[in-house]
Amino acid sequence: MAGGRVDGVNMPTSAPEVSVIVPCYNAAETLPATLASIQAQTHRTWEAVCVDDASTDETPVVLAAAAAADSRIRVVPVPHGGVAAARNAGVALAQAPHLLFLDADDVLRPAALATLLRAAQRAGPLALAAGGYELLDQAGRTLNIYHFPTPGACDLDALLRGNQLPPTTLVPRAVLGAAPFDAALPTCEDWDLWLRLAHEGVGCATVPRVVYGFRLRHGSLTHAAARLYRAGRMVLDKWGPHARARDELPGHYRRLAWTCGAMAAASGTPDAVLTYLRDLPPVAVTPEYEQEVAHAIHAAFQFVRGAQGQTWCAHRAEWLEEARAWLTGTPLAASADAIVARAPTFPLDTVGRCAAVNEFLARYPRTQRLVVYGLGLNGLVLLEMLRRNGGRGRPKLRVADDFAALEVLAAFGLPTDDPRRWGHWPRGTRVVITPNDHAAMRTALQLAGGREGVDFLVLTHEAGLLEHAGAEAARR
């Protein structure tokens, strides 16, 4: 495709494979980092369609300079209409067969486009491709908190329980239509789109790698709990009638109410949940119900306070006391202690576990390969942190899992191994068993001649990070 301008908009000089749609509203502070992360992609055939939603700060200046320096960056000025309308405007001008929606304060990892495109190619021409993301504080610093979509996330009944797909998901242009985002929604427009695509039978490939950073910011749409609750109700009203499990719908509304109520409480408005629950029928308080409220508290406090750089692991006791005080003013006052007691089991101290691995490796500086054994959620998070700490002089990472399919293992982009097939212990190799049901894994390593605490390390769910026999002796 030849370069040029159409209606005052830069057009790409060659046909892109991915159109990155970037809605921009008063984003001058964060936009340079967002654009730089697109330009740093290892996959080079892209275009960035930056939709300026009538910004009143220096955003137009930033965009003009970026577009002048890189013909792949196109600027689309539109009247102020909100993020959904801005994304729709970007979709209308996108030239590529795949689209990726990226907010103007988020950042892509360098291999994001390449990773998602490979997953989409394996899944078929009409499938989504979704990867994991890390939470960043308001200044763009990592919180070392990672989220991954689960296989089967693009299922209408699963999505009605809550939005399990990140907004920055690779989407085939062919499934979107002319204006895919509902501009009547004040937020939750991506959740609404995923539900529509799931209802239409569109599949989704999930990638067990972090592909972008999600910045938590004060004052963003998502932090407005009342607006989020209102939009969430609209989405559930719209798609709930299509659910297979209709009997679960009341639970979806209550889950939304408690999630938004916890966000409001963490933001300083503890009574908001009473408004959200007012028109919902009462239900029996079961242990499962208490568990869901505990999950809502954990997610909401981390999301709201994370913008300030705070984490659940560092502020657990303080936040639990706040949550207990909040619950005493709600219909779940009698269950406050039970709910708070459940919350501490959720966040694993991944930073501490990564430090334990580094301590283990420091005792054996000649280690050439480190095998991360067990790739459930805990393994994925640990692997991401080890990747970040990689570099010259560090052991080469490998992955192993007794149950993961070959295509899942391939998606990590790392060499794979199977300790069950080792006839003897490989020279220069250390293994970390991630927190899970590890009895069979430990046995496989021992049969290969591995010595616990010397050749392999077992990480557990408990607060004590090192379970291996030689841990205390090694410290002394």
Protein backbone atom coordinates (compact mmCIF):
# COMPACT_ATOMS: atom_id res chain seq x y z
CA MET A 1 0.00 0.00 0.00
CA ALA A 2 1.38 3.40 -0.88
CA GLY A 3 1.71 6.00 1.83
CA GLY A 4 -0.26 9.23 1.87
CA ARG A 5 -3.16 11.00 3.57
CA VAL A 6 -6.90 10.34 3.48
CA ASP A 7 -9.16 13.03 4.97
CA GLY A 8 -6.18 14.49 6.81
CA VAL A 9 -5.11 11.15 8.33
CA ASN A 10 -1.70 9.51 7.71
CA MET A 11 -1.97 6.16 5.92
CA PRO A 12 0.62 3.38 6.37
CA THR A 13 3.33 2.84 3.77
CA SER A 14 2.82 -0.97 3.69
CA ALA A 15 0.00 -3.29 4.63
CA PRO A 16 0.13 -3.90 8.40
CA GLU A 17 -0.73 -7.23 10.03
CA VAL A 18 -1.97 -5.62 13.25
CA SER A 19 -3.76 -2.32 13.84
CA VAL A 20 -3.17 -1.12 17.41
CA ILE A 21 -6.11 1.10 18.36
CA VAL A 22 -5.13 3.70 20.98
CA PRO A 23 -7.95 5.92 22.31
CA CYS A 24 -6.40 9.07 23.79
CA TYR A 25 -7.99 11.61 26.11
CA ASN A 26 -5.71 13.96 28.05
CA ALA A 27 -2.97 11.33 28.05
CA ALA A 28 0.07 13.49 27.34
CA GLU A 29 1.86 12.28 30.47
CA THR A 30 1.67 8.55 29.70
CA LEU A 31 1.26 8.47 25.91
CA PRO A 32 5.00 8.63 25.05
CA ALA A 33 5.66 5.40 26.95
CA THR A 34 2.66 3.73 25.30
CA LEU A 35 3.78 4.69 21.80
CA ALA A 36 7.38 3.72 22.55
CA SER A 37 6.20 0.26 23.62
CA ILE A 38 4.45 -0.17 20.25
CA GLN A 39 7.52 0.98 18.36
CA ALA A 40 9.68 -1.48 20.34
CA GLN A 41 7.72 -4.52 19.08
CA THR A 42 9.76 -7.37 17.67
CA HIS A 43 6.97 -7.79 15.10
CA ARG A 44 7.41 -4.74 12.88
CA THR A 45 4.41 -4.87 10.53
CA TRP A 46 1.90 -2.83 12.50
CA GLU A 47 0.06 0.46 12.47
CA ALA A 48 -1.02 2.51 15.45
CA VAL A 49 -4.36 4.26 15.02
CA CYS A 50 -4.36 6.91 17.74
CA VAL A 51 -7.80 8.43 18.25
CA ASP A 52 -7.63 11.82 19.95
CA ASP A 53 -10.91 12.12 21.85
CA ALA A 54 -10.84 15.97 21.88
CA SER A 55 -8.03 16.19 24.44
CA THR A 56 -7.49 19.53 26.14
CA ASP A 57 -3.90 18.92 27.30
CA GLU A 58 -0.74 18.39 25.20
CA THR A 59 -1.95 15.06 23.77
CA PRO A 60 -2.39 16.49 20.21
CA VAL A 61 1.17 17.82 20.29
CA VAL A 62 2.56 14.46 21.43
CA LEU A 63 0.59 12.63 18.74
CA ALA A 64 1.60 15.05 15.96
CA ALA A 65 5.28 14.67 16.80
CA ALA A 66 5.02 10.87 16.93
CA ALA A 67 3.18 10.67 13.61
CA ALA A 68 5.71 12.97 11.94
CA ALA A 69 8.55 10.73 13.09
CA ASP A 70 6.94 7.36 12.25
CA SER A 71 4.55 6.88 9.32
CA ARG A 72 3.05 3.82 11.01
CA ILE A 73 1.46 6.09 13.61
CA ARG A 74 -1.79 7.67 12.45
CA VAL A 75 -3.74 10.35 14.30
CA VAL A 76 -7.54 10.49 14.16
CA PRO A 77 -9.12 13.55 15.85
CA VAL A 78 -12.76 13.06 16.88
CA PRO A 79 -15.31 14.99 18.97
CA HIS A 80 -15.31 13.95 22.61
CA GLY A 81 -17.49 10.86 22.95
CA GLY A 82 -15.77 8.52 25.39
CA VAL A 83 -13.56 5.48 25.03
CA ALA A 84 -16.10 3.23 23.27
CA ALA A 85 -16.81 5.81 20.55
CA ALA A 86 -13.08 6.49 20.17
CA ARG A 87 -12.35 2.79 19.72
CA ASN A 88 -15.13 2.53 17.14
CA ALA A 89 -13.57 5.42 15.22
CA GLY A 90 -10.26 3.59 15.26
CA VAL A 91 -11.87 0.37 14.05
CA ALA A 92 -13.41 2.21 11.11
CA LEU A 93 -9.96 3.31 9.87
CA ALA A 94 -7.99 0.16 10.76
CA GLN A 95 -6.28 -1.47 7.79
CA ALA A 96 -5.02 -4.74 9.31
CA PRO A 97 -6.76 -8.13 9.57
CA HIS A 98 -6.09 -8.17 13.34
CA LEU A 99 -6.81 -5.40 15.84
CA LEU A 100 -5.42 -4.82 19.32
CA PHE A 101 -6.94 -2.26 21.69
CA LEU A 102 -4.39 -0.51 23.91
CA ASP A 103 -5.21 2.28 26.35
CA ALA A 104 -2.99 5.36 26.25
CA ASP A 105 -1.55 4.67 29.70
CA ASP A 106 -0.71 0.98 29.22
CA VAL A 107 2.45 -0.52 27.69
CA LEU A 108 3.11 -3.58 25.55
CA ARG A 109 5.91 -6.02 26.24
CA PRO A 110 8.32 -6.14 23.24
CA ALA A 111 7.15 -9.57 22.05
CA ALA A 112 3.44 -8.91 22.57
CA LEU A 113 2.33 -8.71 18.94
CA ALA A 114 4.51 -11.62 17.85
CA THR A 115 3.27 -13.79 20.71
CA LEU A 116 -0.42 -13.04 20.15
CA LEU A 117 -0.16 -13.44 16.37
CA ARG A 118 1.40 -16.89 16.77
CA ALA A 119 -1.40 -17.91 19.11
CA ALA A 120 -4.04 -16.57 16.71
CA GLN A 121 -2.52 -18.45 13.78
CA ARG A 122 -2.65 -21.71 15.75
CA ALA A 123 -6.25 -21.09 16.86
CA GLY A 124 -7.69 -20.25 13.44
CA PRO A 125 -8.62 -17.15 11.44
CA LEU A 126 -11.65 -16.16 13.54
CA ALA A 127 -10.31 -16.70 17.07
CA LEU A 128 -9.27 -14.15 19.67
CA ALA A 129 -5.84 -14.35 21.28
CA ALA A 130 -5.48 -13.17 24.88
CA GLY A 131 -2.35 -13.01 27.02
CA GLY A 132 -1.56 -12.12 30.59
CA TYR A 133 -0.80 -8.71 32.03
CA GLU A 134 1.01 -7.16 34.96
CA LEU A 135 -0.31 -4.39 37.19
CA LEU A 136 1.61 -1.12 37.21
CA ASP A 137 1.23 1.68 39.72
CA GLN A 138 0.32 5.20 38.68
CA ALA A 139 3.98 6.00 37.96
CA GLY A 140 4.30 2.97 35.68
CA ARG A 141 6.32 0.85 38.13
CA THR A 142 5.58 -2.86 38.27
CA LEU A 143 3.73 -4.19 41.32
CA ASN A 144 4.89 -7.76 40.57
CA ILE A 145 1.25 -8.80 40.31
CA TYR A 146 0.24 -10.80 37.25
CA HIS A 147 -3.07 -11.95 35.81
CA PHE A 148 -3.60 -14.63 33.17
CA PRO A 149 -6.76 -15.51 31.24
CA THR A 150 -7.90 -19.09 31.75
CA PRO A 151 -8.56 -21.50 28.88
CA GLY A 152 -12.24 -21.41 27.96
CA ALA A 153 -12.51 -17.77 29.03
CA CYS A 154 -14.46 -16.89 25.86
CA ASP A 155 -17.58 -18.71 27.03
CA LEU A 156 -20.75 -16.73 27.66
CA ASP A 157 -21.61 -18.36 30.98
CA ALA A 158 -18.02 -18.04 32.22
CA LEU A 159 -17.87 -14.38 31.14
CA LEU A 160 -21.14 -13.56 32.91
CA ARG A 161 -19.39 -14.37 36.19
CA GLY A 162 -17.00 -11.51 35.44
CA ASN A 163 -14.79 -10.23 32.67
CA GLN A 164 -12.03 -12.82 32.34
CA LEU A 165 -10.47 -11.40 29.17
CA PRO A 166 -8.20 -8.33 29.26
CA PRO A 167 -9.11 -5.35 27.08
CA THR A 168 -5.79 -5.71 25.24
CA THR A 169 -6.75 -8.87 23.35
CA LEU A 170 -5.96 -9.55 19.68
CA VAL A 171 -9.20 -9.62 17.67
CA PRO A 172 -9.77 -10.62 14.02
CA ARG A 173 -11.18 -7.65 12.12
CA ALA A 174 -13.72 -9.96 10.46
CA VAL A 175 -15.63 -10.65 13.71
CA LEU A 176 -15.94 -7.07 14.93
CA GLY A 177 -18.39 -5.39 12.58
CA ALA A 178 -18.63 -1.66 11.93
CA ALA A 179 -19.06 -0.31 15.49
CA PRO A 180 -18.29 -3.16 17.90
CA PHE A 181 -18.28 -1.16 21.13
CA ASP A 182 -21.53 -0.01 22.73
CA ALA A 183 -21.08 3.75 23.14
CA ALA A 184 -24.07 3.85 25.52
CA LEU A 185 -22.00 2.06 28.18
CA PRO A 186 -20.03 4.38 30.50
CA THR A 187 -17.49 1.55 30.98
CA CYS A 188 -17.43 -2.29 30.64
CA GLU A 189 -17.51 -1.85 26.85
CA ASP A 190 -14.86 -4.54 26.39
CA TRP A 191 -16.79 -7.00 28.62
CA ASP A 192 -19.88 -6.37 26.51
CA LEU A 193 -17.91 -7.06 23.31
CA TRP A 194 -16.43 -10.32 24.60
CA LEU A 195 -19.92 -11.50 25.60
CA ARG A 196 -21.25 -10.70 22.15
CA LEU A 197 -18.42 -12.60 20.47
CA ALA A 198 -18.85 -15.54 22.84
CA HIS A 199 -22.56 -15.61 22.07
CA GLU A 200 -21.68 -15.75 18.37
CA GLY A 201 -19.37 -18.71 18.95
CA VAL A 202 -16.02 -16.95 18.49
CA GLY A 203 -13.21 -18.93 20.09
CA CYS A 204 -10.22 -17.70 22.06
CA ALA A 205 -6.64 -18.86 22.40
CA THR A 206 -5.07 -17.97 25.75
CA VAL A 207 -1.34 -17.35 26.03
CA PRO A 208 0.40 -18.17 29.34
CA ARG A 209 2.71 -15.16 29.12
CA VAL A 210 2.47 -11.53 30.17
CA VAL A 211 2.10 -9.36 27.07
CA TYR A 212 1.34 -5.91 28.50
CA GLY A 213 1.33 -3.72 31.58
CA PHE A 214 -1.96 -2.33 32.92
CA ARG A 215 -1.52 1.00 34.69
CA LEU A 216 -3.69 1.65 37.73
CA ARG A 217 -4.68 5.30 37.90
CA HIS A 218 -6.75 7.44 40.21
CA GLY A 219 -9.75 8.99 38.54
CA SER A 220 -9.98 6.49 35.68
CA LEU A 221 -13.37 5.21 34.58
CA THR A 222 -12.74 1.88 36.22
CA HIS A 223 -12.17 3.48 39.62
CA ALA A 224 -15.64 5.06 39.64
CA ALA A 225 -17.43 2.24 41.45
CA ALA A 226 -20.95 3.60 40.93
CA ARG A 227 -20.39 3.99 37.21
CA LEU A 228 -18.86 0.52 37.03
CA TYR A 229 -21.84 -0.97 38.86
CA ARG A 230 -24.34 0.79 36.61
CA ALA A 231 -22.53 -0.36 33.46
CA GLY A 232 -22.13 -3.89 34.82
CA ARG A 233 -25.86 -4.09 35.46
CA MET A 234 -26.51 -2.99 31.90
CA VAL A 235 -24.21 -5.71 30.55
CA LEU A 236 -25.79 -8.43 32.72
CA ASP A 237 -29.30 -7.28 31.75
CA LYS A 238 -28.29 -7.45 28.09
CA TRP A 239 -26.59 -10.85 28.02
CA GLY A 240 -28.06 -12.66 31.03
CA PRO A 241 -31.11 -13.88 29.05
CA HIS A 242 -28.70 -15.81 26.77
CA ALA A 243 -27.12 -17.75 29.65
CA ARG A 244 -27.38 -21.52 29.74
CA ALA A 245 -27.30 -21.53 33.55
CA ARG A 246 -30.12 -19.07 34.29
CA ASP A 247 -30.24 -20.06 37.94
CA GLU A 248 -26.77 -18.53 38.44
CA LEU A 249 -27.79 -15.05 37.28
CA PRO A 250 -28.78 -13.70 40.74
CA GLY A 251 -25.31 -14.63 41.95
CA HIS A 252 -23.72 -12.68 39.11
CA TYR A 253 -25.57 -9.51 40.15
CA ARG A 254 -24.60 -9.92 43.80
CA ARG A 255 -20.98 -10.61 42.86
CA LEU A 256 -20.94 -7.37 40.87
CA ALA A 257 -22.50 -5.49 43.81
CA TRP A 258 -19.91 -6.73 46.29
CA THR A 259 -17.01 -6.12 43.91
CA CYS A 260 -18.08 -2.54 43.25
CA GLY A 261 -18.97 -2.06 46.90
CA ALA A 262 -15.50 -3.18 47.97
CA MET A 263 -13.94 -0.81 45.42
CA ALA A 264 -16.02 2.04 46.82
CA ALA A 265 -15.03 1.11 50.36
CA ALA A 266 -11.34 1.02 49.43
CA SER A 267 -11.82 4.45 47.83
CA GLY A 268 -13.43 5.90 50.97
CA THR A 269 -17.16 5.36 50.34
CA PRO A 270 -18.10 2.39 52.56
CA ASP A 271 -21.90 2.83 52.34
CA ALA A 272 -22.10 2.48 48.55
CA VAL A 273 -22.62 -1.27 48.70
CA LEU A 274 -25.94 -0.74 50.51
CA THR A 275 -27.21 1.13 47.45
CA TYR A 276 -25.97 -1.58 45.11
CA LEU A 277 -27.65 -4.35 47.11
CA ARG A 278 -30.91 -2.49 47.69
CA ASP A 279 -32.90 -3.94 44.79
CA LEU A 280 -31.31 -7.40 44.82
CA PRO A 281 -33.20 -10.25 46.53
CA PRO A 282 -31.60 -11.61 49.73
CA VAL A 283 -29.84 -14.96 49.53
CA ALA A 284 -28.65 -17.50 52.06
CA VAL A 285 -25.14 -16.83 53.31
CA THR A 286 -23.12 -19.94 52.50
CA PRO A 287 -19.38 -20.59 52.78
CA GLU A 288 -19.20 -20.19 48.99
CA TYR A 289 -20.88 -16.80 49.23
CA GLU A 290 -18.42 -15.70 51.94
CA GLN A 291 -15.55 -16.89 49.76
CA GLU A 292 -16.76 -14.80 46.82
CA VAL A 293 -17.02 -11.67 48.98
CA ALA A 294 -13.51 -12.32 50.30
CA HIS A 295 -12.26 -12.55 46.71
CA ALA A 296 -14.03 -9.28 45.88
CA ILE A 297 -12.35 -7.54 48.82
CA HIS A 298 -8.93 -8.83 47.83
CA ALA A 299 -9.26 -7.78 44.18
CA ALA A 300 -10.86 -4.40 44.93
CA PHE A 301 -8.39 -3.25 47.58
CA GLN A 302 -5.43 -4.29 45.43
CA PHE A 303 -6.87 -2.56 42.39
CA VAL A 304 -7.63 0.73 44.15
CA ARG A 305 -4.57 0.94 46.38
CA GLY A 306 -2.20 -0.41 43.74
CA ALA A 307 -2.22 2.97 41.99
CA GLN A 308 -0.26 4.25 45.01
CA GLY A 309 2.25 1.42 44.73
CA GLN A 310 0.75 -0.60 47.57
CA THR A 311 0.31 -4.39 47.45
CA TRP A 312 -1.81 -6.88 49.33
CA CYS A 313 1.19 -8.80 50.66
CA ALA A 314 2.72 -5.63 52.14
CA HIS A 315 -0.54 -4.20 53.55
CA ARG A 316 -2.49 -7.37 54.33
CA ALA A 317 -3.12 -6.75 58.04
CA GLU A 318 -4.07 -3.10 57.55
CA TRP A 319 -6.45 -3.82 54.67
CA LEU A 320 -8.10 -6.74 56.45
CA GLU A 321 -8.91 -4.55 59.43
CA GLU A 322 -10.42 -1.99 57.07
CA ALA A 323 -12.44 -4.73 55.39
CA ARG A 324 -13.65 -6.06 58.74
CA ALA A 325 -14.82 -2.61 59.81
CA TRP A 326 -16.54 -2.12 56.45
CA LEU A 327 -18.35 -5.45 56.60
CA THR A 328 -19.82 -4.69 60.02
CA GLY A 329 -21.93 -1.98 58.38
CA THR A 330 -23.28 -4.32 55.66
CA PRO A 331 -25.78 -7.18 55.54
CA LEU A 332 -22.84 -9.54 56.06
CA ALA A 333 -21.91 -8.16 59.48
CA ALA A 334 -22.41 -11.57 61.12
CA SER A 335 -19.99 -13.12 58.62
CA ALA A 336 -17.30 -10.44 58.84
CA ASP A 337 -14.83 -12.60 60.79
CA ALA A 338 -15.38 -15.62 58.53
CA ILE A 339 -14.89 -13.56 55.37
CA VAL A 340 -11.75 -11.86 56.64
CA ALA A 341 -10.36 -15.24 57.72
CA ARG A 342 -10.65 -16.47 54.14
CA ALA A 343 -8.88 -13.53 52.52
CA PRO A 344 -5.29 -14.23 53.70
CA THR A 345 -5.15 -17.47 51.72
CA PHE A 346 -5.42 -15.70 48.35
CA PRO A 347 -2.18 -13.87 47.56
CA LEU A 348 0.98 -15.92 47.46
CA ASP A 349 4.13 -14.04 48.37
CA THR A 350 5.60 -14.35 44.89
CA VAL A 351 8.31 -11.79 45.57
CA GLY A 352 9.44 -13.86 48.54
CA ARG A 353 9.33 -17.06 46.53
CA CYS A 354 11.39 -15.51 43.77
CA ALA A 355 13.90 -14.40 46.42
CA ALA A 356 13.99 -17.98 47.71
CA VAL A 357 14.83 -19.22 44.22
CA ASN A 358 17.58 -16.62 43.87
CA GLU A 359 18.97 -17.65 47.26
CA PHE A 360 18.92 -21.28 46.14
CA LEU A 361 20.75 -20.47 42.89
CA ALA A 362 23.31 -18.32 44.69
CA ARG A 363 24.46 -21.41 46.59
CA TYR A 364 25.11 -23.16 43.27
CA PRO A 365 26.65 -20.54 40.96
CA ARG A 366 27.60 -23.11 38.31
CA THR A 367 23.97 -23.92 37.54
CA GLN A 368 23.46 -23.79 33.78
CA ARG A 369 19.73 -24.61 33.48
CA LEU A 370 16.81 -23.90 35.79
CA VAL A 371 13.67 -25.94 35.16
CA VAL A 372 10.41 -24.45 36.45
CA TYR A 373 8.33 -27.56 37.14
CA GLY A 374 4.55 -27.06 37.37
CA LEU A 375 2.83 -24.40 35.27
CA GLY A 376 -0.38 -23.66 37.09
CA LEU A 377 -1.16 -20.09 38.12
CA ASN A 378 1.57 -20.05 40.76
CA GLY A 379 4.09 -21.35 38.24
CA LEU A 380 3.11 -18.76 35.65
CA VAL A 381 3.60 -15.91 38.09
CA LEU A 382 6.94 -17.23 39.33
CA LEU A 383 8.13 -17.77 35.77
CA GLU A 384 7.29 -14.17 34.83
CA MET A 385 9.36 -12.87 37.73
CA LEU A 386 12.28 -15.13 36.87
CA ARG A 387 12.13 -13.91 33.27
CA ARG A 388 12.35 -10.32 34.50
CA ASN A 389 15.44 -11.21 36.55
CA GLY A 390 17.10 -13.01 33.66
CA GLY A 391 20.21 -11.82 31.91
CA ARG A 392 23.85 -12.51 31.41
CA GLY A 393 25.23 -15.07 33.84
CA ARG A 394 21.79 -16.35 34.85
CA PRO A 395 20.85 -20.01 34.26
CA LYS A 396 18.83 -20.68 31.10
CA LEU A 397 15.15 -21.20 31.88
CA ARG A 398 13.23 -24.32 30.90
CA VAL A 399 9.63 -25.32 31.64
CA ALA A 400 8.07 -28.63 32.55
CA ASP A 401 4.57 -29.75 33.43
CA ASP A 402 3.17 -33.27 33.71
CA PHE A 403 -0.23 -32.35 32.30
CA ALA A 404 0.14 -29.33 29.97
CA ALA A 405 -0.49 -29.93 26.27
CA LEU A 406 2.38 -29.43 23.84
CA GLU A 407 0.82 -26.27 22.38
CA VAL A 408 0.59 -24.77 25.86
CA LEU A 409 4.23 -25.53 26.57
CA ALA A 410 5.21 -24.11 23.17
CA ALA A 411 3.46 -20.83 24.00
CA PHE A 412 6.03 -20.08 26.71
CA GLY A 413 8.73 -19.62 24.09
CA LEU A 414 11.21 -21.59 26.23
CA PRO A 415 12.82 -25.02 25.91
CA THR A 416 10.71 -27.75 27.49
CA ASP A 417 11.68 -30.77 29.53
CA ASP A 418 10.10 -33.81 31.18
CA PRO A 419 11.84 -34.90 34.41
CA ARG A 420 9.83 -38.16 34.39
CA ARG A 421 11.98 -39.27 31.45
CA TRP A 422 15.33 -38.48 33.03
CA GLY A 423 17.38 -41.61 33.47
CA HIS A 424 19.93 -39.66 35.52
CA TRP A 425 20.26 -36.13 36.82
CA PRO A 426 21.30 -33.72 34.01
CA ARG A 427 24.62 -32.03 34.64
CA GLY A 428 24.38 -28.36 35.66
CA THR A 429 20.58 -28.51 36.17
CA ARG A 430 18.50 -27.25 39.09
CA VAL A 431 14.71 -27.59 39.37
CA VAL A 432 12.11 -25.49 41.19
CA ILE A 433 8.78 -27.16 41.97
CA THR A 434 6.12 -24.46 42.08
CA PRO A 435 3.46 -24.32 44.84
CA ASN A 436 0.99 -27.09 44.06
CA ASP A 437 0.28 -30.75 44.79
CA HIS A 438 3.90 -31.73 44.31
CA ALA A 439 4.21 -35.32 45.59
CA ALA A 440 4.45 -36.94 42.14
CA MET A 441 6.84 -34.26 40.91
CA ARG A 442 9.12 -34.71 43.88
CA THR A 443 9.13 -38.48 43.34
CA ALA A 444 10.05 -38.05 39.65
CA LEU A 445 13.02 -35.90 40.58
CA GLN A 446 14.17 -38.27 43.28
CA LEU A 447 13.99 -41.22 40.88
CA ALA A 448 16.30 -39.29 38.55
CA GLY A 449 18.82 -38.96 41.38
CA GLY A 450 17.86 -35.48 42.53
CA ARG A 451 18.53 -34.41 46.11
CA GLU A 452 15.98 -32.11 47.68
CA GLY A 453 17.57 -28.86 48.78
CA VAL A 454 20.60 -29.48 46.58
CA ASP A 455 19.36 -30.34 43.11
CA PHE A 456 15.78 -29.18 43.47
CA LEU A 457 13.76 -26.76 45.57
CA VAL A 458 10.13 -27.20 46.62
CA LEU A 459 8.09 -24.02 47.01
CA THR A 460 4.96 -24.38 49.11
CA HIS A 461 1.68 -22.56 49.69
CA GLU A 462 2.56 -21.97 53.34
CA ALA A 463 4.26 -18.89 54.71
CA GLY A 464 7.55 -20.77 55.08
CA LEU A 465 8.98 -20.40 51.61
CA LEU A 466 11.65 -23.11 51.74
CA GLU A 467 10.49 -26.63 52.50
CA HIS A 468 13.64 -28.47 51.47
CA ALA A 469 15.53 -30.32 54.16
CA GLY A 470 18.75 -28.32 53.96
CA ALA A 471 17.25 -24.84 54.14
CA GLU A 472 18.05 -23.99 57.74
CA ALA A 473 21.50 -25.57 57.54
CA ALA A 474 22.25 -23.54 54.41
CA ARG A 475 21.25 -20.31 56.18
CA ARG A 476 23.56 -21.10 59.08
